[in-house]
Amino acid sequence: MDGGYNGKFDPPLTVLASEYWYRQGSTTFQEEPYAGHIVDLIGETNVIWGSDYPHLDGVWPDSGEIILQTLGSLEPKVLKNITCANAVNRYRMGH
């Protein structure tokens, strides 16, 4: 990302493209087997798990099982961030 965008804008970016991502970007997922393995690359505060409840393509009522399968290897603090705190912070809920 940084190499691809370096020098491509006028005026130029004031920080690396990846810095914009880590500061302002988010990605969501619902059922991705490798999500827990790539959190460090994406940034633990940039990942948000979503159930898509009550839509038919959601994973409810198996949400807990899906979370354990995809994120069960993560530290409890990181797991809480991804399943709760990141959305609260990103969308300024409860502030």
C-alpha atoms as a PDB file:
ATOM      1  CA  MET A   1       0.000   0.000   0.000  1.00  0.00           C
ATOM      2  CA  ASP A   2       2.698   2.469   0.934  1.00  0.00           C
ATOM      3  CA  GLY A   3       4.774   1.847  -2.190  1.00  0.00           C
ATOM      4  CA  GLY A   4       1.784   1.942  -4.492  1.00  0.00           C
ATOM      5  CA  TYR A   5       0.594   5.334  -3.338  1.00  0.00           C
ATOM      6  CA  ASN A   6       3.900   7.050  -2.591  1.00  0.00           C
ATOM      7  CA  GLY A   7       4.278  10.075  -4.876  1.00  0.00           C
ATOM      8  CA  LYS A   8       0.943   9.494  -6.678  1.00  0.00           C
ATOM      9  CA  PHE A   9      -1.040  12.447  -5.269  1.00  0.00           C
ATOM     10  CA  ASP A  10      -0.846  16.200  -5.688  1.00  0.00           C
ATOM     11  CA  PRO A  11      -0.644  17.446  -3.060  1.00  0.00           C
ATOM     12  CA  PRO A  12       1.287  14.457  -1.703  1.00  0.00           C
ATOM     13  CA  LEU A  13       0.088  12.389   1.216  1.00  0.00           C
ATOM     14  CA  THR A  14       1.338  13.814   4.491  1.00  0.00           C
ATOM     15  CA  VAL A  15       1.817  10.346   6.031  1.00  0.00           C
ATOM     16  CA  LEU A  16       2.173   6.832   4.644  1.00  0.00           C
ATOM     17  CA  ALA A  17      -0.993   5.296   3.181  1.00  0.00           C
ATOM     18  CA  SER A  18      -0.806   2.570   5.824  1.00  0.00           C
ATOM     19  CA  GLU A  19      -0.875   5.230   8.550  1.00  0.00           C
ATOM     20  CA  TYR A  20      -4.173   6.534   7.181  1.00  0.00           C
ATOM     21  CA  TRP A  21      -5.511   2.974   7.258  1.00  0.00           C
ATOM     22  CA  TYR A  22      -4.443   2.262  10.829  1.00  0.00           C
ATOM     23  CA  ARG A  23      -5.842   5.626  11.957  1.00  0.00           C
ATOM     24  CA  GLN A  24      -9.100   5.692   9.992  1.00  0.00           C
ATOM     25  CA  GLY A  25      -9.855   2.321   8.416  1.00  0.00           C
ATOM     26  CA  SER A  26     -11.990  -0.586   9.520  1.00  0.00           C
ATOM     27  CA  THR A  27     -12.919  -3.903   8.040  1.00  0.00           C
ATOM     28  CA  THR A  28     -15.683  -6.217   9.126  1.00  0.00           C
ATOM     29  CA  PHE A  29     -16.149  -9.921   8.751  1.00  0.00           C
ATOM     30  CA  GLN A  30     -18.647 -12.495   9.810  1.00  0.00           C
ATOM     31  CA  GLU A  31     -17.260 -15.927   9.075  1.00  0.00           C
ATOM     32  CA  GLU A  32     -13.635 -15.943   7.950  1.00  0.00           C
ATOM     33  CA  PRO A  33     -11.510 -18.903   9.106  1.00  0.00           C
ATOM     34  CA  TYR A  34      -8.228 -16.969   8.893  1.00  0.00           C
ATOM     35  CA  ALA A  35      -9.373 -13.750  10.557  1.00  0.00           C
ATOM     36  CA  GLY A  36      -7.674 -14.500  13.859  1.00  0.00           C
ATOM     37  CA  HIS A  37      -4.390 -15.172  12.076  1.00  0.00           C
ATOM     38  CA  ILE A  38      -4.231 -11.838  10.255  1.00  0.00           C
ATOM     39  CA  VAL A  39      -5.374  -9.451  12.989  1.00  0.00           C
ATOM     40  CA  ASP A  40      -1.797  -8.263  13.521  1.00  0.00           C
ATOM     41  CA  LEU A  41      -1.526  -7.272   9.843  1.00  0.00           C
ATOM     42  CA  ILE A  42      -4.850  -5.431   9.784  1.00  0.00           C
ATOM     43  CA  GLY A  43      -4.541  -3.910  13.244  1.00  0.00           C
ATOM     44  CA  GLU A  44      -6.541  -5.164  16.206  1.00  0.00           C
ATOM     45  CA  THR A  45      -8.461  -1.897  16.490  1.00  0.00           C
ATOM     46  CA  ASN A  46      -9.342  -1.968  12.774  1.00  0.00           C
ATOM     47  CA  VAL A  47     -11.221  -5.288  12.764  1.00  0.00           C
ATOM     48  CA  ILE A  48     -14.913  -5.565  13.659  1.00  0.00           C
ATOM     49  CA  TRP A  49     -16.825  -8.834  13.852  1.00  0.00           C
ATOM     50  CA  GLY A  50     -20.429  -8.610  12.698  1.00  0.00           C
ATOM     51  CA  SER A  51     -23.209 -11.154  13.001  1.00  0.00           C
ATOM     52  CA  ASP A  52     -25.503  -9.573  10.396  1.00  0.00           C
ATOM     53  CA  TYR A  53     -28.410 -10.490  12.661  1.00  0.00           C
ATOM     54  CA  PRO A  54     -31.324 -10.760  11.871  1.00  0.00           C
ATOM     55  CA  HIS A  55     -30.633 -11.247   8.153  1.00  0.00           C
ATOM     56  CA  LEU A  56     -30.873 -14.746   6.753  1.00  0.00           C
ATOM     57  CA  ASP A  57     -27.223 -14.748   5.674  1.00  0.00           C
ATOM     58  CA  GLY A  58     -26.109 -14.075   9.257  1.00  0.00           C
ATOM     59  CA  VAL A  59     -24.561 -16.719  11.482  1.00  0.00           C
ATOM     60  CA  TRP A  60     -27.025 -16.502  14.377  1.00  0.00           C
ATOM     61  CA  PRO A  61     -27.803 -18.650  16.372  1.00  0.00           C
ATOM     62  CA  ASP A  62     -24.276 -20.044  15.941  1.00  0.00           C
ATOM     63  CA  SER A  63     -22.526 -16.725  16.635  1.00  0.00           C
ATOM     64  CA  GLY A  64     -20.660 -17.889  19.732  1.00  0.00           C
ATOM     65  CA  GLU A  65     -19.365 -20.989  17.985  1.00  0.00           C
ATOM     66  CA  ILE A  66     -18.254 -18.978  14.935  1.00  0.00           C
ATOM     67  CA  ILE A  67     -16.433 -16.471  17.138  1.00  0.00           C
ATOM     68  CA  LEU A  68     -14.588 -19.266  18.931  1.00  0.00           C
ATOM     69  CA  GLN A  69     -13.661 -20.966  15.655  1.00  0.00           C
ATOM     70  CA  THR A  70     -12.323 -17.805  14.026  1.00  0.00           C
ATOM     71  CA  LEU A  71     -10.997 -15.789  16.963  1.00  0.00           C
ATOM     72  CA  GLY A  72     -10.674 -18.274  19.825  1.00  0.00           C
ATOM     73  CA  SER A  73      -6.878 -18.237  19.756  1.00  0.00           C
ATOM     74  CA  LEU A  74      -6.662 -14.499  20.461  1.00  0.00           C
ATOM     75  CA  GLU A  75      -6.023 -12.911  23.828  1.00  0.00           C
ATOM     76  CA  PRO A  76      -9.255 -12.011  25.682  1.00  0.00           C
ATOM     77  CA  LYS A  77      -8.591  -8.246  25.370  1.00  0.00           C
ATOM     78  CA  VAL A  78      -8.131  -8.496  21.588  1.00  0.00           C
ATOM     79  CA  LEU A  79     -11.229 -10.701  21.284  1.00  0.00           C
ATOM     80  CA  LYS A  80     -13.295  -8.143  23.217  1.00  0.00           C
ATOM     81  CA  ASN A  81     -11.999  -5.348  20.989  1.00  0.00           C
ATOM     82  CA  ILE A  82     -12.972  -7.181  17.810  1.00  0.00           C
ATOM     83  CA  THR A  83     -16.386  -8.355  18.998  1.00  0.00           C
ATOM     84  CA  CYS A  84     -17.430  -5.227  20.875  1.00  0.00           C
ATOM     85  CA  ALA A  85     -15.132  -2.308  21.688  1.00  0.00           C
ATOM     86  CA  ASN A  86     -13.953  -1.537  18.148  1.00  0.00           C
ATOM     87  CA  ALA A  87     -17.527  -0.997  16.902  1.00  0.00           C
ATOM     88  CA  VAL A  88     -18.374   1.095  19.965  1.00  0.00           C
ATOM     89  CA  ASN A  89     -15.322   3.274  19.381  1.00  0.00           C
ATOM     90  CA  ARG A  90     -15.598   3.509  15.579  1.00  0.00           C
ATOM     91  CA  TYR A  91     -19.260   4.481  15.608  1.00  0.00           C
ATOM     92  CA  ARG A  92     -19.000   6.533  18.824  1.00  0.00           C
ATOM     93  CA  MET A  93     -21.712   4.555  20.565  1.00  0.00           C
ATOM     94  CA  GLY A  94     -22.153   5.101  24.267  1.00  0.00           C
ATOM     95  CA  HIS A  95     -19.914   8.157  24.403  1.00  0.00           C
END
